[in-house]
Protein backbone atom coordinates (compact mmCIF):
# COMPACT_ATOMS: atom_id res chain seq x y z
CA MET A 1 0.00 0.00 0.00
CA LYS A 2 1.14 3.53 -0.74
CA LEU A 3 0.06 6.38 1.54
CA SER A 4 -0.29 9.95 0.31
CA ILE A 5 0.35 12.48 3.09
CA LEU A 6 -1.25 15.79 2.12
CA MET A 7 0.05 18.98 3.72
CA PRO A 8 -1.66 22.34 3.07
CA VAL A 9 0.63 25.26 3.95
CA TYR A 10 -0.06 28.98 4.33
CA ASN A 11 2.47 31.39 5.86
CA GLU A 12 4.31 28.81 7.99
CA GLU A 13 7.94 29.88 7.49
CA GLU A 14 8.70 29.37 11.18
CA ARG A 15 7.42 25.78 11.23
CA ILE A 16 7.42 24.27 7.74
CA ALA A 17 11.02 22.99 7.81
CA ASP A 18 10.47 21.22 11.15
CA ALA A 19 7.06 19.93 10.03
CA LEU A 20 8.53 18.30 6.93
CA LYS A 21 11.57 16.98 8.78
CA GLN A 22 9.32 15.32 11.36
CA ALA A 23 6.96 13.88 8.74
CA LEU A 24 9.78 12.39 6.64
CA ALA A 25 11.60 10.95 9.67
CA VAL A 26 8.73 8.62 10.66
CA ASP A 27 9.22 4.88 10.19
CA TYR A 28 6.10 4.17 8.14
CA PRO A 29 4.88 0.60 7.59
CA CYS A 30 4.31 1.31 3.90
CA GLU A 31 5.53 3.44 1.00
CA ILE A 32 4.64 7.12 1.25
CA GLU A 33 4.57 10.32 -0.74
CA LEU A 34 4.34 13.76 0.86
CA ILE A 35 2.49 16.34 -1.20
CA VAL A 36 2.80 19.92 0.03
CA VAL A 37 0.49 22.59 -1.36
CA ASP A 38 1.80 26.10 -0.73
CA ASP A 39 -1.51 27.96 -0.65
CA GLY A 40 -0.36 31.40 -1.72
CA SER A 41 2.05 32.04 1.17
CA ARG A 42 3.36 35.61 1.39
CA ASP A 43 6.20 35.01 3.83
CA GLY A 44 9.34 32.92 3.33
CA THR A 45 7.52 29.57 3.09
CA SER A 46 8.03 29.23 -0.68
CA GLU A 47 11.77 29.86 -0.42
CA ILE A 48 12.16 27.21 2.28
CA LEU A 49 10.19 24.67 0.26
CA GLY A 50 12.35 25.38 -2.77
CA ARG A 51 15.50 24.35 -0.87
CA LEU A 52 14.23 20.92 0.19
CA ASP A 53 15.27 17.78 -1.65
CA ASP A 54 13.66 14.41 -0.96
CA ALA A 55 12.40 11.89 -3.51
CA ARG A 56 9.24 11.38 -1.46
CA LEU A 57 8.37 15.09 -1.47
CA ARG A 58 6.39 17.05 -4.05
CA VAL A 59 5.51 20.73 -3.82
CA ILE A 60 2.59 22.38 -5.61
CA THR A 61 2.04 26.14 -5.46
CA HIS A 62 -1.17 28.18 -5.51
CA GLN A 63 -0.54 31.71 -6.73
CA ARG A 64 -3.28 33.01 -4.42
CA ASN A 65 -4.56 31.81 -1.06
CA ALA A 66 -7.64 29.65 -1.71
CA GLY A 67 -8.24 27.95 1.65
CA LYS A 68 -7.52 24.58 3.24
CA GLY A 69 -10.24 22.72 1.34
CA ALA A 70 -8.96 24.02 -1.99
CA ALA A 71 -5.38 23.09 -1.10
CA ILE A 72 -6.44 19.56 -0.17
CA LYS A 73 -8.34 19.23 -3.45
CA THR A 74 -5.21 20.19 -5.37
CA ALA A 75 -3.19 17.62 -3.42
CA VAL A 76 -5.83 14.91 -3.90
CA ASP A 77 -5.93 15.53 -7.64
CA SER A 78 -2.17 14.96 -7.79
CA ALA A 79 -1.88 12.10 -5.29
CA GLU A 80 -0.91 8.59 -6.39
CA GLY A 81 -1.43 6.57 -3.22
CA GLU A 82 -4.17 4.09 -2.40
CA TYR A 83 -4.78 5.83 0.93
CA MET A 84 -4.47 9.45 2.04
CA VAL A 85 -4.15 11.36 5.29
CA ILE A 86 -4.02 15.09 5.94
CA LEU A 87 -1.19 16.54 8.03
CA ASP A 88 -1.17 20.25 8.86
CA ALA A 89 2.14 22.12 8.89
CA ASP A 90 1.56 23.89 12.21
CA LEU A 91 3.20 21.22 14.44
CA GLU A 92 -0.02 20.70 16.41
CA TYR A 93 -0.15 17.06 15.30
CA ASP A 94 2.59 14.48 15.66
CA PRO A 95 3.29 12.52 12.45
CA GLN A 96 4.57 9.68 14.65
CA ASP A 97 0.85 8.93 15.22
CA ILE A 98 0.23 8.18 11.53
CA PRO A 99 1.44 4.54 11.76
CA ARG A 100 -1.12 4.08 14.56
CA LEU A 101 -3.83 5.28 12.17
CA LEU A 102 -2.64 2.76 9.60
CA GLU A 103 -2.75 -0.22 11.95
CA PRO A 104 -6.51 -0.91 11.78
CA VAL A 105 -6.42 -0.52 7.99
CA LEU A 106 -3.49 -2.89 7.51
CA ASP A 107 -5.14 -5.35 9.92
CA GLY A 108 -8.39 -5.23 7.93
CA ARG A 109 -10.39 -3.79 10.83
CA ALA A 110 -11.27 -0.43 9.28
CA THR A 111 -11.41 1.56 6.06
CA VAL A 112 -11.67 5.10 7.46
CA VAL A 113 -9.68 6.08 10.56
CA TYR A 114 -9.82 9.34 12.53
CA GLY A 115 -7.29 10.52 15.10
CA ASN A 116 -9.17 11.42 18.28
CA ARG A 117 -7.67 14.27 20.32
CA THR A 118 -7.99 14.20 24.11
CA PHE A 119 -7.99 17.83 25.14
CA GLY A 120 -6.28 18.80 28.38
CA SER A 121 -4.69 21.87 29.91
CA HIS A 122 -1.43 21.04 28.12
CA SER A 123 -3.02 20.56 24.68
CA ALA A 124 -5.71 23.22 24.25
CA TYR A 125 -5.14 26.95 24.13
CA SER A 126 -8.64 28.04 25.21
CA PHE A 127 -11.81 26.78 26.85
CA TRP A 128 -13.99 28.10 24.03
CA TYR A 129 -11.90 26.40 21.36
CA VAL A 130 -12.48 23.04 23.03
CA MET A 131 -16.19 23.72 23.61
CA GLY A 132 -16.60 24.78 20.00
CA ASN A 133 -14.98 21.59 18.79
CA LYS A 134 -17.16 19.48 21.07
CA GLY A 135 -20.27 21.41 19.99
CA VAL A 136 -19.65 20.77 16.29
CA THR A 137 -18.95 17.10 16.97
CA MET A 138 -22.15 16.80 19.02
CA ALA A 139 -24.13 18.41 16.20
CA ALA A 140 -22.85 15.73 13.81
CA ASN A 141 -23.72 12.96 16.25
CA VAL A 142 -27.26 14.28 16.76
CA LEU A 143 -27.92 14.91 13.08
CA PHE A 144 -26.60 11.56 11.88
CA ASN A 145 -27.33 9.39 14.96
CA SER A 146 -23.66 8.55 15.26
CA TYR A 147 -21.08 8.61 18.03
CA ILE A 148 -17.75 10.01 16.97
CA GLY A 149 -15.39 11.78 19.32
CA ASP A 150 -13.59 14.40 17.21
CA LEU A 151 -15.04 15.71 13.95
CA GLU A 152 -12.56 18.55 13.45
CA THR A 153 -9.44 16.40 13.72
CA CYS A 154 -6.90 16.96 10.98
CA PHE A 155 -5.99 13.26 10.97
CA LYS A 156 -8.56 11.71 8.63
CA LEU A 157 -7.19 8.63 6.90
CA MET A 158 -9.19 6.96 4.12
CA PRO A 159 -8.90 5.51 0.62
CA LEU A 160 -7.97 8.21 -1.87
CA GLN A 161 -10.77 7.17 -4.23
CA LEU A 162 -13.30 7.45 -1.40
CA TYR A 163 -12.26 11.04 -0.71
CA ARG A 164 -12.51 11.84 -4.42
CA SER A 165 -16.01 10.34 -4.54
CA LEU A 166 -17.17 12.69 -1.78
CA GLN A 167 -16.69 15.67 -4.14
CA VAL A 168 -15.88 18.07 -1.32
CA ARG A 169 -16.80 21.64 -2.29
CA SER A 170 -15.80 23.63 0.79
CA ARG A 171 -12.68 25.66 0.08
CA GLY A 172 -11.85 26.59 3.67
CA PHE A 173 -11.96 24.90 7.07
CA GLY A 174 -15.53 23.81 6.36
CA MET A 175 -14.09 20.86 4.46
CA GLU A 176 -13.63 19.04 7.80
CA ALA A 177 -17.37 19.08 8.48
CA GLU A 178 -18.27 18.34 4.87
CA VAL A 179 -16.04 15.27 4.72
CA THR A 180 -17.47 13.88 7.96
CA GLY A 181 -21.06 14.73 7.04
CA LYS A 182 -20.76 12.97 3.71
CA LEU A 183 -19.13 9.91 5.27
CA LEU A 184 -21.85 9.65 7.92
CA ARG A 185 -24.49 10.15 5.25
CA LYS A 186 -23.03 7.12 3.47
CA ARG A 187 -23.25 5.26 6.80
CA ILE A 188 -19.47 5.09 7.02
CA ARG A 189 -18.48 5.38 10.67
CA PRO A 190 -14.83 6.34 11.20
CA TYR A 191 -12.73 4.08 13.40
CA GLU A 192 -11.04 6.31 15.97
CA VAL A 193 -7.64 5.99 17.63
CA PRO A 194 -6.24 8.33 20.29
CA ILE A 195 -3.54 10.77 19.18
CA SER A 196 -1.35 13.40 20.79
CA TYR A 197 -2.11 17.08 20.20
CA ARG A 198 -0.73 20.46 21.16
CA ALA A 199 -2.76 23.49 20.09
CA ARG A 200 -1.05 26.75 19.30
CA GLY A 201 -2.57 30.12 20.21
CA ARG A 202 -3.55 33.16 18.17
CA GLU A 203 -0.17 34.76 18.79
CA GLU A 204 1.45 31.68 17.22
CA GLY A 205 -0.70 31.88 14.08
CA LYS A 206 -3.85 29.89 14.90
CA LYS A 207 -6.21 30.59 12.00
CA ILE A 208 -9.54 28.87 12.73
CA THR A 209 -12.23 31.07 14.41
CA TRP A 210 -15.74 30.79 15.83
CA LYS A 211 -17.13 31.65 12.39
CA ASP A 212 -15.69 28.39 11.08
CA GLY A 213 -17.60 26.54 13.80
CA VAL A 214 -20.87 28.15 12.75
CA GLU A 215 -20.15 27.28 9.13
CA ALA A 216 -19.38 23.68 10.13
CA VAL A 217 -22.78 23.23 11.79
CA TRP A 218 -24.51 24.73 8.74
CA ILE A 219 -22.62 22.34 6.43
CA LEU A 220 -23.57 19.34 8.58
CA ALA A 221 -27.24 20.36 8.48
CA ARG A 222 -27.06 20.82 4.71
CA GLU A 223 -25.58 17.36 4.23
CA ARG A 224 -28.19 15.81 6.51
CA VAL A 225 -31.16 17.13 4.50
CA ARG A 226 -29.61 16.88 1.05
CA ARG A 227 -31.37 14.45 -1.24
CA ARG A 228 -29.61 11.27 -2.14
CA PRO A 229 -28.54 11.06 -5.81
């Protein structure tokens, strides 16, 4: 099996080198490719990416910032693996957890695997951030009569063709809710494994806001009432 690791990047000059170094240093149980989409960065991100040399790494550049969902779509269109997983470049997630996500797939126990964050004082930068995440996840569980623990997790591992079939339209952070809503609508329940997590604060470049939470709930409701094709 080949795994495509998809990394959307926007203005991460302080972290991108470490993020890539960590991702490429993992001892994966399968072949990988790492596709980085520079989503219109205006800092030194592009220059740093241009200096990197690894056969497993490919860099694609957006001339203008289009949003996380758009960056993932670009990466998915270019990916060649059988499976895919998203890895943000902000160092909040530990790529050493990716082999743990692969275990239930390689063992034949699951097709879609989510990394479930356990928020604590050491891993969440604000009370309202955690409550917002839990609120969006609860909305999905109520709307789709499911029981998942972490809808907004970056670590969503699934077959590449399955992601393509979802035809995700959201160009920003709403893609997280749209992906989960469409999976639950297909009666696909993600298998969840615990992962480590360390949130960064606004002063460190945290980009998601309460407006993204409101949009996520709206997207979930839209997917719940949408007619089946």
